[in-house]
N, C-alpha and C. Protein backbone atom coordinates (compact mmCIF):
# COMPACT_ATOMS: atom_id res chain seq x y z
N MET A 1 114.72 85.81 130.57
CA MET A 1 114.84 86.50 129.46
C MET A 1 114.04 86.76 128.87
N PRO A 2 113.38 88.36 128.97
CA PRO A 2 111.94 88.83 128.07
C PRO A 2 111.88 88.61 127.05
N THR A 3 110.58 87.36 126.58
CA THR A 3 110.28 87.45 125.19
C THR A 3 109.60 88.87 124.19
N GLU A 4 110.25 88.99 122.66
CA GLU A 4 109.92 90.08 122.39
C GLU A 4 108.15 89.68 121.91
N PRO A 5 107.43 90.89 121.79
CA PRO A 5 106.11 90.72 122.06
C PRO A 5 105.62 90.22 120.06
N THR A 6 104.69 89.35 119.73
CA THR A 6 104.39 89.08 119.04
C THR A 6 103.14 89.94 118.10
N HIS A 7 102.77 90.87 119.08
CA HIS A 7 101.74 91.91 118.17
C HIS A 7 102.22 93.47 118.72
N TYR A 8 102.11 94.43 117.83
CA TYR A 8 102.09 95.72 118.55
C TYR A 8 100.92 96.58 118.39
N CYS A 9 100.51 97.83 119.17
CA CYS A 9 100.04 98.70 118.45
C CYS A 9 100.01 99.88 118.37
N GLU A 10 99.72 100.51 117.52
CA GLU A 10 100.02 101.83 117.21
C GLU A 10 99.10 102.77 116.18
N GLY A 11 98.52 103.82 117.25
CA GLY A 11 97.68 104.93 116.53
C GLY A 11 96.17 103.54 116.03
N GLN A 12 95.75 104.06 115.27
CA GLN A 12 94.94 102.35 114.33
C GLN A 12 95.02 100.62 113.89
N ALA A 13 96.59 101.04 114.02
CA ALA A 13 97.03 99.67 113.51
C ALA A 13 97.31 98.80 114.73
N ARG A 14 96.98 97.50 114.49
CA ARG A 14 97.41 96.65 115.06
C ARG A 14 97.66 95.52 114.31
N LEU A 15 99.29 94.75 114.32
CA LEU A 15 99.49 94.39 113.70
C LEU A 15 100.81 92.84 114.51
N GLU A 16 100.67 91.76 113.55
CA GLU A 16 102.36 91.04 114.31
C GLU A 16 103.67 91.45 113.55
N LEU A 17 104.32 91.46 114.15
CA LEU A 17 105.81 92.01 114.38
C LEU A 17 106.20 90.54 112.97
N GLY A 18 106.14 89.56 113.74
CA GLY A 18 107.12 88.60 113.14
C GLY A 18 108.65 88.96 113.36
N THR A 19 109.05 88.32 111.86
CA THR A 19 110.88 88.77 111.46
C THR A 19 110.78 90.13 110.83
N GLY A 20 109.44 90.86 110.17
CA GLY A 20 109.77 92.16 109.49
C GLY A 20 110.11 93.03 110.44
N PHE A 21 111.07 93.92 109.16
CA PHE A 21 111.75 94.86 109.86
C PHE A 21 110.95 95.95 110.26
N PHE A 22 110.86 96.36 111.67
CA PHE A 22 110.09 97.20 112.55
C PHE A 22 111.47 98.21 113.34
N ARG A 23 111.59 99.48 113.63
CA ARG A 23 111.56 99.95 114.54
C ARG A 23 110.60 101.17 115.97
N PRO A 24 110.33 100.79 116.31
CA PRO A 24 109.41 101.67 117.47
C PRO A 24 110.19 103.44 117.27
N GLU A 25 111.28 103.42 117.24
CA GLU A 25 111.70 104.66 117.34
C GLU A 25 111.25 105.54 116.27
N SER A 26 110.51 105.23 115.45
CA SER A 26 110.25 105.68 114.08
C SER A 26 108.70 105.78 114.08
N ARG A 27 108.27 106.19 115.27
CA ARG A 27 106.45 106.50 115.03
C ARG A 27 106.19 107.50 114.55
N PRO A 28 107.32 108.58 115.26
CA PRO A 28 106.72 109.83 114.80
C PRO A 28 107.08 110.11 113.56
N SER A 29 108.16 109.37 112.82
CA SER A 29 108.03 109.78 111.48
C SER A 29 106.58 108.88 110.94
N ARG A 30 106.66 107.77 111.19
CA ARG A 30 104.63 107.32 110.54
C ARG A 30 103.64 107.99 111.17
N ASP A 31 103.59 108.98 112.10
CA ASP A 31 102.70 109.93 112.58
C ASP A 31 102.48 110.97 111.79
N PHE A 32 103.48 111.82 111.19
CA PHE A 32 103.65 112.90 110.41
C PHE A 32 103.26 112.86 108.82
N GLY A 33 103.95 111.41 108.28
CA GLY A 33 103.17 110.60 107.17
C GLY A 33 101.98 110.34 106.81
N VAL A 34 100.80 110.00 108.43
CA VAL A 34 99.45 110.27 108.08
C VAL A 34 98.90 111.50 107.81
N LEU A 35 99.76 112.09 109.03
CA LEU A 35 99.17 113.38 109.04
C LEU A 35 99.35 114.32 107.55
N LEU A 36 100.81 114.34 106.73
CA LEU A 36 100.92 114.78 105.60
C LEU A 36 99.71 114.06 104.43
N LEU A 37 99.81 113.04 104.40
CA LEU A 37 98.72 112.14 103.86
C LEU A 37 97.59 112.86 104.08
N ARG A 38 96.64 113.38 105.41
CA ARG A 38 95.40 113.65 105.35
C ARG A 38 95.46 114.82 104.67
N TRP A 39 96.00 116.19 105.20
CA TRP A 39 96.56 117.45 104.86
C TRP A 39 96.86 117.69 103.06
N MET A 40 97.26 115.92 102.37
CA MET A 40 97.19 116.36 101.03
C MET A 40 95.73 116.22 99.93
N GLN A 41 95.39 115.20 101.19
CA GLN A 41 93.66 115.37 100.70
C GLN A 41 93.07 116.42 101.09
N ALA A 42 92.91 117.01 101.89
CA ALA A 42 92.65 118.27 102.34
C ALA A 42 92.54 119.18 101.43
N GLN A 43 93.61 119.45 101.07
CA GLN A 43 94.25 120.47 99.82
C GLN A 43 93.18 120.01 98.20
N ASN A 44 92.80 119.24 98.45
CA ASN A 44 92.51 118.89 97.06
C ASN A 44 91.11 117.96 97.93
N PRO A 45 90.17 118.07 97.82
CA PRO A 45 88.73 117.55 98.18
C PRO A 45 88.16 116.92 96.68
N ASP A 46 88.04 117.35 96.08
CA ASP A 46 87.28 116.90 94.53
C ASP A 46 88.13 115.72 94.10
N ARG A 47 89.45 115.27 94.42
CA ARG A 47 90.09 114.02 94.59
C ARG A 47 90.04 112.82 94.69
N VAL A 48 89.51 112.30 93.79
CA VAL A 48 89.02 110.26 94.53
C VAL A 48 89.35 109.31 94.69
N GLY A 49 90.16 109.51 96.08
CA GLY A 49 91.04 109.21 95.77
C GLY A 49 92.59 108.59 96.13
N VAL A 50 93.55 108.31 96.65
CA VAL A 50 94.93 108.65 96.65
C VAL A 50 95.41 106.92 96.95
N GLY A 51 96.61 107.19 96.20
CA GLY A 51 97.52 105.54 96.60
C GLY A 51 98.71 106.27 96.84
N VAL A 52 99.44 105.02 97.82
CA VAL A 52 100.78 105.80 98.25
C VAL A 52 101.15 104.30 97.92
N LEU A 53 102.40 103.69 98.04
CA LEU A 53 104.14 102.85 97.73
C LEU A 53 104.63 102.85 99.14
N ASP A 54 104.46 101.80 100.14
CA ASP A 54 105.70 101.50 100.93
C ASP A 54 106.39 100.42 99.85
N GLY A 55 107.67 100.73 99.61
CA GLY A 55 108.93 100.49 99.21
C GLY A 55 109.57 99.74 100.19
N MET A 56 109.60 100.20 101.27
CA MET A 56 110.68 99.07 102.17
C MET A 56 109.50 98.91 103.57
N ALA A 57 108.91 97.76 103.07
CA ALA A 57 106.85 97.93 104.18
C ALA A 57 107.98 96.69 105.71
N GLY A 58 108.76 96.40 105.69
CA GLY A 58 109.01 95.36 106.70
C GLY A 58 107.56 94.86 107.33
N CYS A 59 107.48 95.11 107.99
CA CYS A 59 106.15 94.50 108.76
C CYS A 59 104.95 95.10 108.33
N GLY A 60 104.90 95.73 107.57
CA GLY A 60 103.74 96.59 106.90
C GLY A 60 103.01 97.85 107.65
N ILE A 61 103.76 98.22 109.13
CA ILE A 61 103.17 99.47 110.08
C ILE A 61 102.72 100.41 109.11
N ARG A 62 103.54 100.79 108.17
CA ARG A 62 103.19 102.50 108.07
C ARG A 62 102.66 102.33 106.49
N ALA A 63 102.80 101.11 105.57
CA ALA A 63 100.99 101.03 104.84
C ALA A 63 99.60 100.61 105.70
N LEU A 64 100.12 100.10 106.69
CA LEU A 64 98.37 99.93 107.60
C LEU A 64 98.06 101.16 107.87
N ARG A 65 98.83 102.14 109.08
CA ARG A 65 98.43 103.26 109.22
C ARG A 65 98.18 104.21 107.88
N TYR A 66 98.36 104.53 106.88
CA TYR A 66 98.15 104.98 105.68
C TYR A 66 96.54 104.49 105.54
N GLY A 67 96.84 103.49 105.33
CA GLY A 67 94.73 102.56 104.74
C GLY A 67 94.28 103.06 106.25
N LEU A 68 94.65 102.85 107.72
CA LEU A 68 93.84 102.91 108.30
C LEU A 68 93.16 103.94 108.58
N GLU A 69 94.67 105.16 108.73
CA GLU A 69 94.73 106.35 109.40
C GLU A 69 94.42 108.09 108.18
N GLY A 70 95.65 107.51 107.84
CA GLY A 70 95.55 108.74 106.30
C GLY A 70 94.32 108.55 105.30
N GLY A 71 93.71 107.58 105.38
CA GLY A 71 92.35 107.42 103.49
C GLY A 71 93.27 107.04 102.77
N ALA A 72 93.91 106.15 102.70
CA ALA A 72 94.36 105.72 101.30
C ALA A 72 93.43 104.71 101.04
N THR A 73 92.89 105.29 99.47
CA THR A 73 92.17 103.68 98.91
C THR A 73 93.03 102.95 98.07
N GLU A 74 94.43 102.97 97.92
CA GLU A 74 95.18 101.85 98.05
C GLU A 74 96.72 101.63 98.09
N VAL A 75 97.32 100.95 98.31
CA VAL A 75 98.22 100.62 99.54
C VAL A 75 98.84 99.60 98.75
N LEU A 76 100.07 99.89 97.77
CA LEU A 76 101.24 99.21 97.53
C LEU A 76 102.13 99.18 98.21
N ALA A 77 102.44 97.96 98.82
CA ALA A 77 103.40 97.34 100.09
C ALA A 77 104.19 96.22 100.07
N ASN A 78 105.92 96.61 99.29
CA ASN A 78 106.86 95.48 98.99
C ASN A 78 108.28 95.47 100.06
N ASP A 79 108.66 94.36 99.70
CA ASP A 79 109.67 94.67 100.84
C ASP A 79 111.00 93.47 99.57
N ALA A 80 111.80 93.85 100.04
CA ALA A 80 113.46 93.12 99.31
C ALA A 80 113.23 91.46 99.60
N ASP A 81 112.13 91.28 101.41
CA ASP A 81 112.65 89.95 100.92
C ASP A 81 111.17 88.91 101.16
N PRO A 82 111.57 87.74 100.18
CA PRO A 82 110.07 87.80 98.99
C PRO A 82 109.24 86.66 100.63
N GLU A 83 110.44 86.21 101.62
CA GLU A 83 109.87 85.40 102.68
C GLU A 83 108.97 86.42 103.76
N ARG A 84 108.57 87.89 103.54
CA ARG A 84 107.62 88.59 103.69
C ARG A 84 106.39 89.02 103.76
N LEU A 85 106.28 88.15 102.65
CA LEU A 85 104.45 88.25 102.08
C LEU A 85 103.74 87.81 102.70
N PRO A 86 103.86 87.05 103.34
CA PRO A 86 102.80 86.10 104.03
C PRO A 86 102.51 87.36 105.27
N LEU A 87 103.19 87.71 105.95
CA LEU A 87 103.34 88.97 107.24
C LEU A 87 102.70 89.74 106.81
N LEU A 88 103.17 90.62 105.40
CA LEU A 88 102.60 91.76 104.72
C LEU A 88 101.39 91.68 104.41
N GLN A 89 100.82 90.48 104.23
CA GLN A 89 99.35 90.16 103.39
C GLN A 89 98.64 90.34 105.14
N ALA A 90 99.06 89.46 105.96
CA ALA A 90 98.31 89.42 106.74
C ALA A 90 97.85 90.21 107.70
N ASN A 91 98.95 91.63 108.12
CA ASN A 91 99.02 92.53 108.34
C ASN A 91 97.73 93.42 107.59
N LEU A 92 98.17 93.13 106.38
CA LEU A 92 97.55 94.44 105.54
C LEU A 92 96.24 94.35 105.29
N ALA A 93 95.80 92.50 105.67
CA ALA A 93 93.84 92.57 105.43
C ALA A 93 93.06 93.40 106.19
N ALA A 94 93.45 93.54 106.80
CA ALA A 94 92.38 94.87 107.31
C ALA A 94 92.45 95.97 106.70
N LEU A 95 92.80 96.23 105.90
CA LEU A 95 92.80 97.20 105.15
C LEU A 95 91.70 96.52 104.19
N GLY A 96 91.18 95.29 104.04
CA GLY A 96 89.81 94.99 102.90
C GLY A 96 90.45 95.66 101.22
N LEU A 97 91.83 95.94 100.76
CA LEU A 97 92.18 96.24 99.65
C LEU A 97 92.43 94.60 98.78
N LYS A 98 92.69 95.07 97.92
CA LYS A 98 92.90 93.85 96.63
C LYS A 98 93.77 93.18 96.96
N PRO A 99 94.53 91.81 97.03
CA PRO A 99 95.38 91.21 97.14
C PRO A 99 96.70 91.22 96.35
N PRO A 100 98.04 91.40 96.85
CA PRO A 100 99.00 91.73 96.23
C PRO A 100 99.38 91.12 94.70
N ALA A 101 99.90 91.21 93.73
CA ALA A 101 100.18 90.30 92.96
C ALA A 101 101.37 89.46 93.68
N VAL A 102 101.54 88.27 93.23
CA VAL A 102 103.33 87.94 93.14
C VAL A 102 103.32 87.59 92.20
């Protein structure tokens, strides 16, 4: 019986999947989200940073890609399952941003 992979790579993101919600089929949506974020920043080059919110983060891939590829300077990621917090913290640590308040 094949085992599930423990990590996943997409774009510049490499993360642990853990038990966080994850759909590989949603990659086009994540790609377009990164492109939209970069386009929005290009429309207003005088803006000093941009923040994003991933309100249903699951394993955090969208938030991670926004930070790594989209140029977000502030990333807020949350999930309804508090047991996912360690997974989100581990996956988003690559952004070097301030840890979330608990």
